[in-house]
């Protein structure tokens, strides 16, 4: 099997471990296979791919979209290492305000599936990191929302004492 799917504590949040094959030539890994993901409960169609490059201590997020534009995301770190975070921001949910984190890197080749209506962010642990993620809906600026990275209710344990956060991300609200 090319993938191991692990359901995490938050409903719908899935860690995907990709099995890689190494030999004298290098390495090969399957990163996505529709039938395997469908069997694991990830049936959405991915319609947009995003790439970000960031330096150590950068925190991006926590971002999400609402309504019909709520995005599921399949996140992987293709260079470096990040702490990837998903938080349940659905007020009616029994897990509202709970977050989970996973280390993603170019060494472990793991991916994280984040279902729609969860806020997503990450912190760069290595000197630099490149992150690629697929989305189930196209970006719609009118429905974009965010939660502050330092929200006291979430109390996320970010792996940095020197966070670098964009002005936009600093202006997001706290959970209510």
Protein backbone atom coordinates (compact mmCIF):
# COMPACT_ATOMS: atom_id res chain seq x y z
CA UNK A 1 0.00 0.00 0.00
CA UNK A 2 1.34 3.43 -0.94
CA UNK A 3 -0.37 5.29 1.92
CA UNK A 4 -1.22 4.87 5.57
CA UNK A 5 -4.21 6.99 6.62
CA UNK A 6 -4.56 7.86 10.30
CA UNK A 7 -7.69 9.58 11.63
CA UNK A 8 -6.63 12.15 14.19
CA UNK A 9 -8.45 13.45 17.26
CA UNK A 10 -10.47 16.10 15.40
CA UNK A 11 -13.24 14.73 13.14
CA UNK A 12 -12.18 14.58 9.50
CA UNK A 13 -8.54 15.48 10.16
CA UNK A 14 -6.37 12.79 8.56
CA UNK A 15 -2.61 12.24 8.63
CA UNK A 16 -1.37 10.63 5.43
CA UNK A 17 1.93 8.79 5.58
CA UNK A 18 3.32 8.16 2.10
CA UNK A 19 5.40 5.06 1.63
CA UNK A 20 8.58 5.91 -0.26
CA UNK A 21 11.01 3.71 -2.10
CA UNK A 22 14.73 4.42 -2.12
CA UNK A 23 17.58 2.89 -4.05
CA UNK A 24 20.91 3.97 -5.56
CA UNK A 25 19.10 6.31 -7.97
CA UNK A 26 17.28 8.25 -5.27
CA UNK A 27 13.71 8.07 -4.07
CA UNK A 28 10.16 7.71 -5.42
CA UNK A 29 6.87 8.37 -3.63
CA UNK A 30 3.22 8.53 -4.61
CA UNK A 31 1.76 11.73 -3.18
CA UNK A 32 -1.84 11.38 -4.27
CA UNK A 33 -4.02 8.60 -5.63
CA UNK A 34 -7.72 9.38 -5.99
CA UNK A 35 -8.95 5.83 -5.32
CA UNK A 36 -6.85 5.40 -2.15
CA UNK A 37 -7.89 8.78 -0.77
CA UNK A 38 -11.55 8.05 -1.57
CA UNK A 39 -11.36 4.75 0.33
CA UNK A 40 -9.90 6.66 3.30
CA UNK A 41 -12.85 9.07 3.34
CA UNK A 42 -11.34 11.96 1.38
CA UNK A 43 -13.77 12.15 -1.52
CA UNK A 44 -13.53 15.84 -2.41
CA UNK A 45 -12.12 16.94 -5.73
CA UNK A 46 -9.09 19.23 -5.51
CA UNK A 47 -9.39 22.31 -7.74
CA UNK A 48 -6.54 24.64 -6.73
CA UNK A 49 -2.89 24.16 -5.77
CA UNK A 50 -0.93 26.71 -3.72
CA UNK A 51 2.75 27.10 -2.90
CA UNK A 52 4.43 29.15 -0.19
CA UNK A 53 8.05 29.73 0.71
CA UNK A 54 8.87 31.01 4.19
CA UNK A 55 11.77 31.58 6.55
CA UNK A 56 12.34 30.23 10.06
CA UNK A 57 9.91 31.53 12.72
CA UNK A 58 7.28 32.57 10.14
CA UNK A 59 3.74 31.73 11.21
CA UNK A 60 1.13 31.76 8.46
CA UNK A 61 -2.52 31.66 9.43
CA UNK A 62 -4.86 30.69 10.85
CA UNK A 63 -6.96 30.93 7.66
CA UNK A 64 -10.24 29.48 6.45
CA UNK A 65 -13.12 30.24 4.08
CA UNK A 66 -16.83 30.15 4.88
CA UNK A 67 -20.07 29.07 3.22
CA UNK A 68 -19.99 27.39 -0.15
CA UNK A 69 -16.31 28.33 -0.53
CA UNK A 70 -15.09 26.48 2.58
CA UNK A 71 -11.90 24.69 1.54
CA UNK A 72 -10.63 21.28 2.43
CA UNK A 73 -6.81 21.25 2.18
CA UNK A 74 -4.19 18.59 1.56
CA UNK A 75 -0.94 20.04 2.92
CA UNK A 76 2.64 18.85 2.48
CA UNK A 77 6.05 20.36 3.12
CA UNK A 78 8.28 19.78 0.09
CA UNK A 79 11.38 21.49 1.50
CA UNK A 80 12.30 22.01 5.14
CA UNK A 81 10.10 21.39 8.17
CA UNK A 82 6.94 22.96 9.57
CA UNK A 83 4.53 22.51 12.42
CA UNK A 84 1.16 22.35 10.67
CA UNK A 85 -1.92 23.28 12.71
CA UNK A 86 -5.64 22.75 12.19
CA UNK A 87 -8.25 24.20 14.56
CA UNK A 88 -11.97 23.50 14.70
CA UNK A 89 -13.66 26.91 14.41
CA UNK A 90 -17.23 25.65 13.94
CA UNK A 91 -19.19 27.21 16.86
CA UNK A 92 -21.75 24.36 16.91
CA UNK A 93 -19.08 21.64 16.99
CA UNK A 94 -18.33 19.66 20.18
CA UNK A 95 -14.63 20.12 19.33
CA UNK A 96 -14.91 23.92 18.80
CA UNK A 97 -11.70 25.64 19.86
CA UNK A 98 -9.61 22.46 19.82
CA UNK A 99 -6.51 22.30 17.64
CA UNK A 100 -4.13 19.61 16.53
CA UNK A 101 -0.62 19.85 15.11
CA UNK A 102 1.58 17.61 12.99
CA UNK A 103 5.20 18.02 11.92
CA UNK A 104 5.47 17.90 8.14
CA UNK A 105 8.83 17.81 6.39
CA UNK A 106 10.70 16.84 3.27
CA UNK A 107 12.13 13.97 5.34
CA UNK A 108 8.94 12.35 6.68
CA UNK A 109 6.92 13.06 3.48
CA UNK A 110 3.71 13.10 5.52
CA UNK A 111 0.64 15.07 4.46
CA UNK A 112 -2.28 16.44 6.42
CA UNK A 113 -5.84 16.53 5.15
CA UNK A 114 -7.79 19.36 6.76
CA UNK A 115 -11.55 19.30 6.17
CA UNK A 116 -13.61 22.38 5.25
CA UNK A 117 -14.49 24.83 8.06
CA UNK A 118 -11.25 24.21 9.96
CA UNK A 119 -8.73 27.04 10.35
CA UNK A 120 -5.24 26.22 9.08
CA UNK A 121 -1.80 27.64 9.76
CA UNK A 122 1.80 26.61 10.14
CA UNK A 123 5.11 27.66 11.66
CA UNK A 124 8.46 27.16 9.94
CA UNK A 125 10.87 25.17 12.10
CA UNK A 126 13.78 24.83 9.65
CA UNK A 127 15.78 27.73 8.19
CA UNK A 128 13.41 27.78 5.19
CA UNK A 129 10.39 25.80 4.10
CA UNK A 130 8.34 25.31 0.98
CA UNK A 131 4.74 24.21 1.45
CA UNK A 132 2.38 22.97 -1.24
CA UNK A 133 -1.30 22.41 -0.63
CA UNK A 134 -4.26 21.36 -2.69
CA UNK A 135 -7.67 22.94 -2.04
CA UNK A 136 -11.18 21.62 -2.65
CA UNK A 137 -12.52 25.10 -3.51
CA UNK A 138 -10.94 28.03 -5.27
CA UNK A 139 -9.77 30.98 -3.21
CA UNK A 140 -12.55 33.52 -2.65
CA UNK A 141 -11.37 36.67 -0.85
CA UNK A 142 -14.95 37.63 0.07
CA UNK A 143 -15.36 34.52 2.25
CA UNK A 144 -11.88 34.39 3.78
CA UNK A 145 -11.74 34.49 7.55
CA UNK A 146 -9.03 34.04 10.11
CA UNK A 147 -8.26 33.48 13.75
CA UNK A 148 -5.28 35.09 15.42
CA UNK A 149 -2.27 32.85 15.72
CA UNK A 150 -1.97 33.78 19.43
CA UNK A 151 -5.64 33.28 20.32
CA UNK A 152 -5.74 32.61 24.09
CA UNK A 153 -8.64 30.18 23.78
CA UNK A 154 -6.70 28.02 21.34
CA UNK A 155 -3.40 28.49 23.19
CA UNK A 156 -1.41 26.88 20.37
CA UNK A 157 2.09 25.81 21.36
CA UNK A 158 4.03 27.30 18.47
CA UNK A 159 7.68 26.17 18.24
CA UNK A 160 9.15 29.68 18.24
CA UNK A 161 9.86 32.50 20.65
CA UNK A 162 10.32 34.96 17.75
CA UNK A 163 7.18 34.68 15.61
CA UNK A 164 7.11 36.53 12.30
CA UNK A 165 3.48 37.20 11.41
CA UNK A 166 2.04 39.30 8.58
CA UNK A 167 0.14 42.49 9.43
CA UNK A 168 -2.98 40.93 7.92
CA UNK A 169 -2.75 37.81 10.11
CA UNK A 170 -2.16 39.98 13.20
CA UNK A 171 -5.48 41.73 12.55
CA UNK A 172 -7.65 38.61 12.66
CA UNK A 173 -10.06 38.27 15.59
CA UNK A 174 -9.94 35.89 18.52
CA UNK A 175 -12.46 33.06 18.74
CA UNK A 176 -15.63 34.06 20.57
